[in-house]
Amino acid sequence: FEDFQKTYRSEMIESGDSFVVYFREVLQEK
């Protein structure tokens, strides 16, 4: 996991607002 986290750190979100990112991703796809 630590290696995964280092490799994809820029892809991950830190806050509890992951729903914001997810909503925007789905909107963009649609």
Full PDB file with SEQRES, HELIX, SHEET, SSBOND, CRYST1, ORIGX, SCALE, CONECT and MASTER records, all heavy atoms in Angstrom:
SEQRES   1 A   30  PHE GLU ASP PHE GLN LYS THR TYR ARG SER GLU MET ILE          
SEQRES   2 A   30  GLU SER GLY ASP SER PHE VAL VAL TYR PHE ARG GLU VAL          
SEQRES   3 A   30  LEU GLN GLU LYS                                              
HELIX    1 AA1 GLU A    2  THR A    7  1                                   6    
HELIX    2 AA2 ARG A    9  GLU A   11  5                                   3    
HELIX    3 AA3 SER A   18  GLU A   29  1                                  12    
CRYST1    1.000    1.000    1.000  90.00  90.00  90.00 P 1           1          
ORIGX1      1.000000  0.000000  0.000000        0.00000                         
ORIGX2      0.000000  1.000000  0.000000        0.00000                         
ORIGX3      0.000000  0.000000  1.000000        0.00000                         
SCALE1      1.000000  0.000000  0.000000        0.00000                         
SCALE2      0.000000  1.000000  0.000000        0.00000                         
SCALE3      0.000000  0.000000  1.000000        0.00000                         
ATOM      1  N   PHE A   1       0.804  -1.215   0.000  1.00  0.00           N  
ATOM      2  CA  PHE A   1       0.000   0.000   0.000  1.00  0.00           C  
ATOM      3  C   PHE A   1       0.843   1.274   0.000  1.00  0.00           C  
ATOM      4  O   PHE A   1       0.539   2.227  -0.704  1.00  0.00           O  
ATOM      5  CB  PHE A   1      -0.983   0.030   1.178  1.00  0.00           C  
ATOM      6  CG  PHE A   1      -1.761   1.308   1.233  1.00  0.00           C  
ATOM      7  CD1 PHE A   1      -2.766   1.562   0.315  1.00  0.00           C  
ATOM      8  CD2 PHE A   1      -1.475   2.281   2.182  1.00  0.00           C  
ATOM      9  CE1 PHE A   1      -3.474   2.753   0.331  1.00  0.00           C  
ATOM     10  CE2 PHE A   1      -2.172   3.474   2.212  1.00  0.00           C  
ATOM     11  CZ  PHE A   1      -3.181   3.706   1.291  1.00  0.00           C  
ATOM     12  N   GLU A   2       1.913   1.302   0.796  1.00  0.00           N  
ATOM     13  CA  GLU A   2       2.741   2.502   0.856  1.00  0.00           C  
ATOM     14  C   GLU A   2       3.305   2.855  -0.520  1.00  0.00           C  
ATOM     15  O   GLU A   2       3.326   4.020  -0.918  1.00  0.00           O  
ATOM     16  CB  GLU A   2       3.879   2.358   1.886  1.00  0.00           C  
ATOM     17  CG  GLU A   2       3.424   2.496   3.325  1.00  0.00           C  
ATOM     18  CD  GLU A   2       2.739   1.238   3.865  1.00  0.00           C  
ATOM     19  OE1 GLU A   2       2.857   0.145   3.252  1.00  0.00           O  
ATOM     20  OE2 GLU A   2       2.055   1.357   4.899  1.00  0.00           O  
ATOM     21  N   ASP A   3       3.761   1.826  -1.247  1.00  0.00           N  
ATOM     22  CA  ASP A   3       4.273   2.067  -2.605  1.00  0.00           C  
ATOM     23  C   ASP A   3       3.163   2.568  -3.523  1.00  0.00           C  
ATOM     24  O   ASP A   3       3.378   3.493  -4.316  1.00  0.00           O  
ATOM     25  CB  ASP A   3       4.885   0.785  -3.186  1.00  0.00           C  
ATOM     26  CG  ASP A   3       6.169   0.381  -2.486  1.00  0.00           C  
ATOM     27  OD1 ASP A   3       6.847   1.270  -1.921  1.00  0.00           O  
ATOM     28  OD2 ASP A   3       6.500  -0.820  -2.500  1.00  0.00           O  
ATOM     29  N   PHE A   4       1.996   1.954  -3.411  1.00  0.00           N  
ATOM     30  CA  PHE A   4       0.850   2.405  -4.206  1.00  0.00           C  
ATOM     31  C   PHE A   4       0.554   3.870  -3.905  1.00  0.00           C  
ATOM     32  O   PHE A   4       0.374   4.685  -4.808  1.00  0.00           O  
ATOM     33  CB  PHE A   4      -0.381   1.536  -3.904  1.00  0.00           C  
ATOM     34  CG  PHE A   4      -1.657   2.092  -4.477  1.00  0.00           C  
ATOM     35  CD1 PHE A   4      -1.992   1.865  -5.808  1.00  0.00           C  
ATOM     36  CD2 PHE A   4      -2.512   2.861  -3.689  1.00  0.00           C  
ATOM     37  CE1 PHE A   4      -3.161   2.394  -6.343  1.00  0.00           C  
ATOM     38  CE2 PHE A   4      -3.669   3.386  -4.219  1.00  0.00           C  
ATOM     39  CZ  PHE A   4      -4.001   3.151  -5.559  1.00  0.00           C  
ATOM     40  N   GLN A   5       0.515   4.207  -2.625  1.00  0.00           N  
ATOM     41  CA  GLN A   5       0.184   5.566  -2.216  1.00  0.00           C  
ATOM     42  C   GLN A   5       1.226   6.572  -2.724  1.00  0.00           C  
ATOM     43  O   GLN A   5       0.868   7.652  -3.187  1.00  0.00           O  
ATOM     44  CB  GLN A   5       0.069   5.638  -0.694  1.00  0.00           C  
ATOM     45  CG  GLN A   5      -0.559   6.910  -0.203  1.00  0.00           C  
ATOM     46  CD  GLN A   5      -0.781   6.896   1.298  1.00  0.00           C  
ATOM     47  OE1 GLN A   5      -0.158   6.130   2.025  1.00  0.00           O  
ATOM     48  NE2 GLN A   5      -1.666   7.753   1.750  1.00  0.00           N  
ATOM     49  N   LYS A   6       2.490   6.217  -2.673  1.00  0.00           N  
ATOM     50  CA  LYS A   6       3.544   7.110  -3.176  1.00  0.00           C  
ATOM     51  C   LYS A   6       3.407   7.300  -4.683  1.00  0.00           C  
ATOM     52  O   LYS A   6       3.514   8.407  -5.199  1.00  0.00           O  
ATOM     53  CB  LYS A   6       4.926   6.547  -2.852  1.00  0.00           C  
ATOM     54  CG  LYS A   6       5.337   6.715  -1.419  1.00  0.00           C  
ATOM     55  CD  LYS A   6       6.696   6.073  -1.166  1.00  0.00           C  
ATOM     56  CE  LYS A   6       6.989   6.020   0.317  1.00  0.00           C  
ATOM     57  NZ  LYS A   6       8.161   5.188   0.611  1.00  0.00           N  
ATOM     58  N   THR A   7       3.180   6.206  -5.386  1.00  0.00           N  
ATOM     59  CA  THR A   7       3.087   6.255  -6.841  1.00  0.00           C  
ATOM     60  C   THR A   7       1.887   7.083  -7.310  1.00  0.00           C  
ATOM     61  O   THR A   7       1.986   7.844  -8.267  1.00  0.00           O  
ATOM     62  CB  THR A   7       2.974   4.830  -7.425  1.00  0.00           C  
ATOM     63  OG1 THR A   7       4.091   4.070  -6.970  1.00  0.00           O  
ATOM     64  CG2 THR A   7       2.944   4.848  -8.940  1.00  0.00           C  
ATOM     65  N   TYR A   8       0.776   6.946  -6.619  1.00  0.00           N  
ATOM     66  CA  TYR A   8      -0.467   7.590  -7.077  1.00  0.00           C  
ATOM     67  C   TYR A   8      -0.935   8.723  -6.165  1.00  0.00           C  
ATOM     68  O   TYR A   8      -2.098   9.108  -6.201  1.00  0.00           O  
ATOM     69  CB  TYR A   8      -1.569   6.534  -7.237  1.00  0.00           C  
ATOM     70  CG  TYR A   8      -1.206   5.503  -8.276  1.00  0.00           C  
ATOM     71  CD1 TYR A   8      -0.773   4.240  -7.911  1.00  0.00           C  
ATOM     72  CD2 TYR A   8      -1.253   5.822  -9.630  1.00  0.00           C  
ATOM     73  CE1 TYR A   8      -0.411   3.305  -8.862  1.00  0.00           C  
ATOM     74  CE2 TYR A   8      -0.898   4.898 -10.588  1.00  0.00           C  
ATOM     75  CZ  TYR A   8      -0.475   3.637 -10.202  1.00  0.00           C  
ATOM     76  OH  TYR A   8      -0.117   2.726 -11.164  1.00  0.00           O  
ATOM     77  N   ARG A   9      -0.021   9.285  -5.390  1.00  0.00           N  
ATOM     78  CA  ARG A   9      -0.366  10.358  -4.455  1.00  0.00           C  
ATOM     79  C   ARG A   9      -1.113  11.506  -5.150  1.00  0.00           C  
ATOM     80  O   ARG A   9      -2.096  12.015  -4.647  1.00  0.00           O  
ATOM     81  CB  ARG A   9       0.878  10.901  -3.767  1.00  0.00           C  
ATOM     82  CG  ARG A   9       0.588  12.022  -2.780  1.00  0.00           C  
ATOM     83  CD  ARG A   9       1.810  12.488  -2.035  1.00  0.00           C  
ATOM     84  NE  ARG A   9       2.543  11.437  -1.353  1.00  0.00           N  
ATOM     85  CZ  ARG A   9       2.183  10.869  -0.200  1.00  0.00           C  
ATOM     86  NH1 ARG A   9       1.079  11.246   0.393  1.00  0.00           N  
ATOM     87  NH2 ARG A   9       2.926   9.942   0.353  1.00  0.00           N  
ATOM     88  N   SER A  10      -0.659  11.888  -6.319  1.00  0.00           N  
ATOM     89  CA  SER A  10      -1.283  13.017  -7.026  1.00  0.00           C  
ATOM     90  C   SER A  10      -2.698  12.682  -7.505  1.00  0.00           C  
ATOM     91  O   SER A  10      -3.486  13.576  -7.813  1.00  0.00           O  
ATOM     92  CB  SER A  10      -0.425  13.443  -8.212  1.00  0.00           C  
ATOM     93  OG  SER A  10      -0.365  12.417  -9.175  1.00  0.00           O  
ATOM     94  N   GLU A  11      -3.027  11.407  -7.561  1.00  0.00           N  
ATOM     95  CA  GLU A  11      -4.346  10.969  -8.015  1.00  0.00           C  
ATOM     96  C   GLU A  11      -5.363  10.899  -6.874  1.00  0.00           C  
ATOM     97  O   GLU A  11      -6.554  10.809  -7.112  1.00  0.00           O  
ATOM     98  CB  GLU A  11      -4.260   9.571  -8.645  1.00  0.00           C  
ATOM     99  CG  GLU A  11      -3.187   9.406  -9.683  1.00  0.00           C  
ATOM    100  CD  GLU A  11      -3.483  10.146 -10.964  1.00  0.00           C  
ATOM    101  OE1 GLU A  11      -4.654  10.428 -11.237  1.00  0.00           O  
ATOM    102  OE2 GLU A  11      -2.528  10.440 -11.698  1.00  0.00           O  
ATOM    103  N   MET A  12      -4.860  10.893  -5.658  1.00  0.00           N  
ATOM    104  CA  MET A  12      -5.718  10.647  -4.503  1.00  0.00           C  
ATOM    105  C   MET A  12      -6.162  11.958  -3.868  1.00  0.00           C  
ATOM    106  O   MET A  12      -5.493  12.978  -3.997  1.00  0.00           O  
ATOM    107  CB  MET A  12      -4.996   9.752  -3.507  1.00  0.00           C  
ATOM    108  CG  MET A  12      -4.592   8.429  -4.146  1.00  0.00           C  
ATOM    109  SD  MET A  12      -3.744   7.337  -3.049  1.00  0.00           S  
ATOM    110  CE  MET A  12      -5.132   6.520  -2.307  1.00  0.00           C  
ATOM    111  N   ILE A  13      -7.280  11.900  -3.178  1.00  0.00           N  
ATOM    112  CA  ILE A  13      -7.795  13.073  -2.483  1.00  0.00           C  
ATOM    113  C   ILE A  13      -7.626  12.872  -0.990  1.00  0.00           C  
ATOM    114  O   ILE A  13      -7.732  11.766  -0.485  1.00  0.00           O  
ATOM    115  CB  ILE A  13      -9.267  13.355  -2.852  1.00  0.00           C  
ATOM    116  CG1 ILE A  13     -10.129  12.120  -2.678  1.00  0.00           C  
ATOM    117  CG2 ILE A  13      -9.371  13.883  -4.257  1.00  0.00           C  
ATOM    118  CD1 ILE A  13     -11.561  12.321  -2.976  1.00  0.00           C  
ATOM    119  N   GLU A  14      -7.371  13.944  -0.305  1.00  0.00           N  
ATOM    120  CA  GLU A  14      -7.054  13.870   1.118  1.00  0.00           C  
ATOM    121  C   GLU A  14      -8.259  14.117   2.016  1.00  0.00           C  
ATOM    122  O   GLU A  14      -8.363  13.573   3.083  1.00  0.00           O  
ATOM    123  CB  GLU A  14      -5.959  14.903   1.456  1.00  0.00           C  
ATOM    124  CG  GLU A  14      -4.652  14.663   0.729  1.00  0.00           C  
ATOM    125  CD  GLU A  14      -3.989  13.361   1.103  1.00  0.00           C  
ATOM    126  OE1 GLU A  14      -4.060  12.954   2.281  1.00  0.00           O  
ATOM    127  OE2 GLU A  14      -3.395  12.729   0.217  1.00  0.00           O  
ATOM    128  N   SER A  15      -9.159  14.973   1.601  1.00  0.00           N  
ATOM    129  CA  SER A  15     -10.232  15.387   2.507  1.00  0.00           C  
ATOM    130  C   SER A  15     -11.409  14.422   2.481  1.00  0.00           C  
ATOM    131  O   SER A  15     -11.453  13.485   1.699  1.00  0.00           O  
ATOM    132  CB  SER A  15     -10.719  16.787   2.110  1.00  0.00           C  
ATOM    133  OG  SER A  15     -11.460  16.706   0.913  1.00  0.00           O  
ATOM    134  N   GLY A  16     -12.386  14.696   3.351  1.00  0.00           N  
ATOM    135  CA  GLY A  16     -13.601  13.906   3.400  1.00  0.00           C  
ATOM    136  C   GLY A  16     -14.589  14.306   2.321  1.00  0.00           C  
ATOM    137  O   GLY A  16     -15.724  13.856   2.320  1.00  0.00           O  
ATOM    138  N   ASP A  17     -14.183  15.180   1.412  1.00  0.00           N  
ATOM    139  CA  ASP A  17     -15.072  15.646   0.354  1.00  0.00           C  
ATOM    140  C   ASP A  17     -14.891  14.852  -0.937  1.00  0.00           C  
ATOM    141  O   ASP A  17     -14.986  15.394  -2.030  1.00  0.00           O  
ATOM    142  CB  ASP A  17     -14.842  17.139   0.088  1.00  0.00           C  
ATOM    143  CG  ASP A  17     -15.289  18.004   1.248  1.00  0.00           C  
ATOM    144  OD1 ASP A  17     -16.104  17.528   2.064  1.00  0.00           O  
ATOM    145  OD2 ASP A  17     -14.839  19.150   1.334  1.00  0.00           O  
ATOM    146  N   SER A  18     -14.637  13.564  -0.815  1.00  0.00           N  
ATOM    147  CA  SER A  18     -14.427  12.737  -2.005  1.00  0.00           C  
ATOM    148  C   SER A  18     -15.664  12.733  -2.903  1.00  0.00           C  
ATOM    149  O   SER A  18     -15.545  12.582  -4.113  1.00  0.00           O  
ATOM    150  CB  SER A  18     -14.063  11.312  -1.605  1.00  0.00           C  
ATOM    151  OG  SER A  18     -15.057  10.766  -0.763  1.00  0.00           O  
ATOM    152  N   PHE A  19     -16.833  12.965  -2.310  1.00  0.00           N  
ATOM    153  CA  PHE A  19     -18.056  13.002  -3.110  1.00  0.00           C  
ATOM    154  C   PHE A  19     -18.012  14.138  -4.125  1.00  0.00           C  
ATOM    155  O   PHE A  19     -18.574  14.018  -5.210  1.00  0.00           O  
ATOM    156  CB  PHE A  19     -19.304  13.109  -2.217  1.00  0.00           C  
ATOM    157  CG  PHE A  19     -19.422  14.414  -1.477  1.00  0.00           C  
ATOM    158  CD1 PHE A  19     -20.052  15.498  -2.046  1.00  0.00           C  
ATOM    159  CD2 PHE A  19     -18.905  14.545  -0.201  1.00  0.00           C  
ATOM    160  CE1 PHE A  19     -20.162  16.697  -1.367  1.00  0.00           C  
ATOM    161  CE2 PHE A  19     -19.000  15.733   0.491  1.00  0.00           C  
ATOM    162  CZ  PHE A  19     -19.637  16.822  -0.096  1.00  0.00           C  
ATOM    163  N   VAL A  20     -17.334  15.243  -3.796  1.00  0.00           N  
ATOM    164  CA  VAL A  20     -17.221  16.389  -4.713  1.00  0.00           C  
ATOM    165  C   VAL A  20     -16.462  15.959  -5.966  1.00  0.00           C  
ATOM    166  O   VAL A  20     -16.906  16.200  -7.093  1.00  0.00           O  
ATOM    167  CB  VAL A  20     -16.496  17.583  -4.027  1.00  0.00           C  
ATOM    168  CG1 VAL A  20     -16.225  18.705  -5.026  1.00  0.00           C  
ATOM    169  CG2 VAL A  20     -17.289  18.093  -2.840  1.00  0.00           C  
ATOM    170  N   VAL A  21     -15.347  15.302  -5.766  1.00  0.00           N  
ATOM    171  CA  VAL A  21     -14.515  14.840  -6.875  1.00  0.00           C  
ATOM    172  C   VAL A  21     -15.279  13.798  -7.688  1.00  0.00           C  
ATOM    173  O   VAL A  21     -15.311  13.860  -8.924  1.00  0.00           O  
ATOM    174  CB  VAL A  21     -13.182  14.258  -6.353  1.00  0.00           C  
ATOM    175  CG1 VAL A  21     -12.372  13.647  -7.481  1.00  0.00           C  
ATOM    176  CG2 VAL A  21     -12.393  15.331  -5.625  1.00  0.00           C  
ATOM    177  N   TYR A  22     -15.921  12.871  -7.011  1.00  0.00           N  
ATOM    178  CA  TYR A  22     -16.661  11.817  -7.705  1.00  0.00           C  
ATOM    179  C   TYR A  22     -17.799  12.402  -8.543  1.00  0.00           C  
ATOM    180  O   TYR A  22     -17.972  12.035  -9.711  1.00  0.00           O  
ATOM    181  CB  TYR A  22     -17.204  10.800  -6.697  1.00  0.00           C  
ATOM    182  CG  TYR A  22     -17.938   9.655  -7.337  1.00  0.00           C  
ATOM    183  CD1 TYR A  22     -17.292   8.793  -8.216  1.00  0.00           C  
ATOM    184  CD2 TYR A  22     -19.285   9.438  -7.069  1.00  0.00           C  
ATOM    185  CE1 TYR A  22     -17.962   7.742  -8.823  1.00  0.00           C  
ATOM    186  CE2 TYR A  22     -19.958   8.385  -7.665  1.00  0.00           C  
ATOM    187  CZ  TYR A  22     -19.297   7.546  -8.538  1.00  0.00           C  
ATOM    188  OH  TYR A  22     -19.960   6.512  -9.141  1.00  0.00           O  
ATOM    189  N   PHE A  23     -18.556  13.336  -7.980  1.00  0.00           N  
ATOM    190  CA  PHE A  23     -19.659  13.948  -8.721  1.00  0.00           C  
ATOM    191  C   PHE A  23     -19.133  14.631  -9.986  1.00  0.00           C  
ATOM    192  O   PHE A  23     -19.687  14.454 -11.069  1.00  0.00           O  
ATOM    193  CB  PHE A  23     -20.411  14.953  -7.838  1.00  0.00           C  
ATOM    194  CG  PHE A  23     -21.691  15.428  -8.454  1.00  0.00           C  
ATOM    195  CD1 PHE A  23     -22.858  14.714  -8.301  1.00  0.00           C  
ATOM    196  CD2 PHE A  23     -21.733  16.582  -9.216  1.00  0.00           C  
ATOM    197  CE1 PHE A  23     -24.055  15.126  -8.882  1.00  0.00           C  
ATOM    198  CE2 PHE A  23     -22.915  17.020  -9.797  1.00  0.00           C  
ATOM    199  CZ  PHE A  23     -24.074  16.285  -9.630  1.00  0.00           C  
ATOM    200  N   ARG A  24     -18.056  15.360  -9.851  1.00  0.00           N  
ATOM    201  CA  ARG A  24     -17.485  16.068 -11.008  1.00  0.00           C  
ATOM    202  C   ARG A  24     -16.980  15.095 -12.069  1.00  0.00           C  
ATOM    203  O   ARG A  24     -17.129  15.341 -13.268  1.00  0.00           O  
ATOM    204  CB  ARG A  24     -16.382  17.014 -10.564  1.00  0.00           C  
ATOM    205  CG  ARG A  24     -16.950  18.213  -9.820  1.00  0.00           C  
ATOM    206  CD  ARG A  24     -15.892  19.197  -9.419  1.00  0.00           C  
ATOM    207  NE  ARG A  24     -16.508  20.282  -8.669  1.00  0.00           N  
ATOM    208  CZ  ARG A  24     -15.889  20.974  -7.743  1.00  0.00           C  
ATOM    209  NH1 ARG A  24     -14.635  20.725  -7.437  1.00  0.00           N  
ATOM    210  NH2 ARG A  24     -16.525  21.944  -7.107  1.00  0.00           N  
ATOM    211  N   GLU A  25     -16.382  13.991 -11.623  1.00  0.00           N  
ATOM    212  CA  GLU A  25     -15.908  12.969 -12.573  1.00  0.00           C  
ATOM    213  C   GLU A  25     -17.076  12.410 -13.391  1.00  0.00           C  
ATOM    214  O   GLU A  25     -16.985  12.288 -14.608  1.00  0.00           O  
ATOM    215  CB  GLU A  25     -15.252  11.800 -11.836  1.00  0.00           C  
ATOM    216  CG  GLU A  25     -13.832  12.004 -11.448  1.00  0.00           C  
ATOM    217  CD  GLU A  25     -13.244  10.762 -10.760  1.00  0.00           C  
ATOM    218  OE1 GLU A  25     -13.941   9.722 -10.654  1.00  0.00           O  
ATOM    219  OE2 GLU A  25     -12.094  10.852 -10.326  1.00  0.00           O  
ATOM    220  N   VAL A  26     -18.148  12.071 -12.696  1.00  0.00           N  
ATOM    221  CA  VAL A  26     -19.303  11.486 -13.394  1.00  0.00           C  
ATOM    222  C   VAL A  26     -19.928  12.510 -14.337  1.00  0.00           C  
ATOM    223  O   VAL A  26     -20.274  12.177 -15.476  1.00  0.00           O  
ATOM    224  CB  VAL A  26     -20.341  10.930 -12.385  1.00  0.00           C  
ATOM    225  CG1 VAL A  26     -21.597  10.458 -13.096  1.00  0.00           C  
ATOM    226  CG2 VAL A  26     -19.729   9.786 -11.584  1.00  0.00           C  
ATOM    227  N   LEU A  27     -20.043  13.759 -13.883  1.00  0.00           N  
ATOM    228  CA  LEU A  27     -20.586  14.808 -14.761  1.00  0.00           C  
ATOM    229  C   LEU A  27     -19.748  14.948 -16.025  1.00  0.00           C  
ATOM    230  O   LEU A  27     -20.296  15.073 -17.122  1.00  0.00           O  
ATOM    231  CB  LEU A  27     -20.611  16.158 -14.042  1.00  0.00           C  
ATOM    232  CG  LEU A  27     -21.793  16.497 -13.171  1.00  0.00           C  
ATOM    233  CD1 LEU A  27     -21.741  17.960 -12.756  1.00  0.00           C  
ATOM    234  CD2 LEU A  27     -23.106  16.184 -13.824  1.00  0.00           C  
ATOM    235  N   GLN A  28     -18.443  14.946 -15.846  1.00  0.00           N  
ATOM    236  CA  GLN A  28     -17.538  15.086 -16.988  1.00  0.00           C  
ATOM    237  C   GLN A  28     -17.712  13.914 -17.958  1.00  0.00           C  
ATOM    238  O   GLN A  28     -17.780  14.120 -19.168  1.00  0.00           O  
ATOM    239  CB  GLN A  28     -16.101  15.171 -16.489  1.00  0.00           C  
ATOM    240  CG  GLN A  28     -15.109  15.534 -17.558  1.00  0.00           C  
ATOM    241  CD  GLN A  28     -13.711  15.727 -16.986  1.00  0.00           C  
ATOM    242  OE1 GLN A  28     -13.393  15.257 -15.891  1.00  0.00           O  
ATOM    243  NE2 GLN A  28     -12.867  16.411 -17.726  1.00  0.00           N  
ATOM    244  N   GLU A  29     -17.813  12.700 -17.435  1.00  0.00           N  
ATOM    245  CA  GLU A  29     -18.012  11.523 -18.288  1.00  0.00           C  
ATOM    246  C   GLU A  29     -19.315  11.614 -19.073  1.00  0.00           C  
ATOM    247  O   GLU A  29     -19.403  11.143 -20.195  1.00  0.00           O  
ATOM    248  CB  GLU A  29     -18.030  10.252 -17.440  1.00  0.00           C  
ATOM    249  CG  GLU A  29     -16.691   9.835 -16.918  1.00  0.00           C  
ATOM    250  CD  GLU A  29     -16.785   8.644 -15.957  1.00  0.00           C  
ATOM    251  OE1 GLU A  29     -17.843   7.979 -15.900  1.00  0.00           O  
ATOM    252  OE2 GLU A  29     -15.795   8.400 -15.240  1.00  0.00           O  
ATOM    253  N   LYS A  30     -20.330  12.213 -18.459  1.00  0.00           N  
ATOM    254  CA  LYS A  30     -21.653  12.290 -19.089  1.00  0.00           C  
ATOM    255  C   LYS A  30     -21.849  13.593 -19.864  1.00  0.00           C  
ATOM    256  O   LYS A  30     -22.934  13.844 -20.389  1.00  0.00           O  
ATOM    257  CB  LYS A  30     -22.733  12.114 -18.028  1.00  0.00           C  
ATOM    258  CG  LYS A  30     -22.662  10.724 -17.396  1.00  0.00           C  
ATOM    259  CD  LYS A  30     -23.632  10.548 -16.268  1.00  0.00           C  
ATOM    260  CE  LYS A  30     -23.424   9.258 -15.532  1.00  0.00           C  
ATOM    261  NZ  LYS A  30     -23.841   8.075 -16.211  1.00  0.00           N  
TER     262      LYS A  30                                                      
MASTER        0    0    0    3    0    0    0    6  261    1    0    3          
END                                                                             
